[in-house]
Amino acid sequence: MAKKTRKRLDFNQIARRIVDQATAEPEPPKATKAKDPAAIARGRKGGLKGGKSRATKMTKAQRSESAKRAAQARWTQRPI
């Protein structure tokens, strides 16, 4: 998503942007690097077991505190 500018543009600046967009040649699509499927699978495998093994190592009080912090983070309003 494009970032909005706070500075208002001059009429001439707006006109220049319109002309540039109308006369510009389309940009070729950017080349994206292909991800290694084996690396993706290894990362997913580790991610799936990470939370469970972490939870088994924590005490009940630590799990409760972690859950409270997670809930607080989900419900905290972020400034727009």
Protein backbone atom coordinates (compact mmCIF):
# COMPACT_ATOMS: atom_id res chain seq x y z
CA MET A 1 0.00 0.00 0.00
CA ALA A 2 1.35 3.42 -0.91
CA LYS A 3 2.32 5.72 1.90
CA LYS A 4 0.28 8.89 2.08
CA THR A 5 2.19 12.15 2.08
CA ARG A 6 1.21 14.82 4.53
CA LYS A 7 2.48 17.65 2.34
CA ARG A 8 -0.13 18.92 -0.10
CA LEU A 9 0.98 18.96 -3.71
CA ASP A 10 0.96 22.02 -5.88
CA PHE A 11 -1.31 21.99 -8.96
CA ASN A 12 1.75 21.85 -11.23
CA GLN A 13 3.17 18.90 -9.32
CA ILE A 14 -0.10 17.01 -9.68
CA ALA A 15 -0.17 17.76 -13.42
CA ARG A 16 3.42 16.56 -13.79
CA ARG A 17 2.59 13.26 -12.07
CA ILE A 18 -0.39 12.71 -14.34
CA VAL A 19 1.67 13.37 -17.47
CA ASP A 20 4.47 11.10 -16.23
CA GLN A 21 2.03 8.29 -15.55
CA ALA A 22 0.30 8.71 -18.90
CA THR A 23 3.49 8.77 -20.98
CA ALA A 24 5.62 6.32 -19.05
CA GLU A 25 6.30 2.87 -20.44
CA PRO A 26 5.13 0.04 -18.21
CA GLU A 27 7.89 -1.30 -15.99
CA PRO A 28 8.85 -4.92 -16.51
CA PRO A 29 7.82 -7.20 -13.63
CA LYS A 30 10.46 -7.63 -10.97
CA ALA A 31 12.19 -10.98 -10.86
CA THR A 32 11.47 -12.79 -7.62
CA LYS A 33 13.81 -15.34 -6.18
CA ALA A 34 12.37 -18.81 -6.05
CA LYS A 35 12.39 -20.34 -2.58
CA ASP A 36 13.86 -23.75 -1.97
CA PRO A 37 10.94 -26.12 -1.21
CA ALA A 38 13.14 -28.24 1.05
CA ALA A 39 14.06 -25.20 3.15
CA ILE A 40 10.40 -24.22 3.40
CA ALA A 41 9.49 -27.70 4.61
CA ARG A 42 12.26 -27.69 7.24
CA GLY A 43 11.19 -24.28 8.52
CA ARG A 44 7.55 -25.32 8.75
CA LYS A 45 8.45 -28.53 10.56
CA GLY A 46 10.44 -26.62 13.17
CA GLY A 47 7.73 -24.00 13.54
CA LEU A 48 5.01 -26.55 14.14
CA LYS A 49 6.81 -28.25 17.00
CA GLY A 50 8.35 -25.10 18.53
CA GLY A 51 5.33 -23.87 20.48
CA LYS A 52 4.49 -27.26 21.96
CA SER A 53 8.03 -27.97 23.14
CA ARG A 54 8.30 -24.46 24.58
CA ALA A 55 5.04 -24.90 26.47
CA THR A 56 6.14 -28.21 27.99
CA LYS A 57 9.30 -26.61 29.37
CA MET A 58 7.40 -23.73 31.05
CA THR A 59 5.77 -23.86 34.46
CA LYS A 60 2.06 -23.25 34.80
CA ALA A 61 2.68 -19.70 36.06
CA GLN A 62 4.97 -18.96 33.12
CA ARG A 63 2.40 -20.28 30.62
CA SER A 64 -0.28 -18.15 32.25
CA GLU A 65 1.90 -15.03 32.12
CA SER A 66 2.76 -15.70 28.47
CA ALA A 67 -0.93 -16.11 27.62
CA LYS A 68 -1.80 -12.85 29.40
CA ARG A 69 0.87 -10.98 27.45
CA ALA A 70 -0.33 -12.51 24.18
CA ALA A 71 -3.93 -11.53 24.89
CA GLN A 72 -2.87 -8.01 25.84
CA ALA A 73 -0.91 -7.68 22.60
CA ARG A 74 -3.92 -8.83 20.56
CA TRP A 75 -6.31 -6.42 22.24
CA THR A 76 -4.02 -3.37 22.41
CA GLN A 77 -5.08 -0.68 19.97
CA ARG A 78 -2.32 0.34 17.61
CA PRO A 79 -2.25 3.93 16.39
CA ILE A 80 -3.17 4.23 12.74
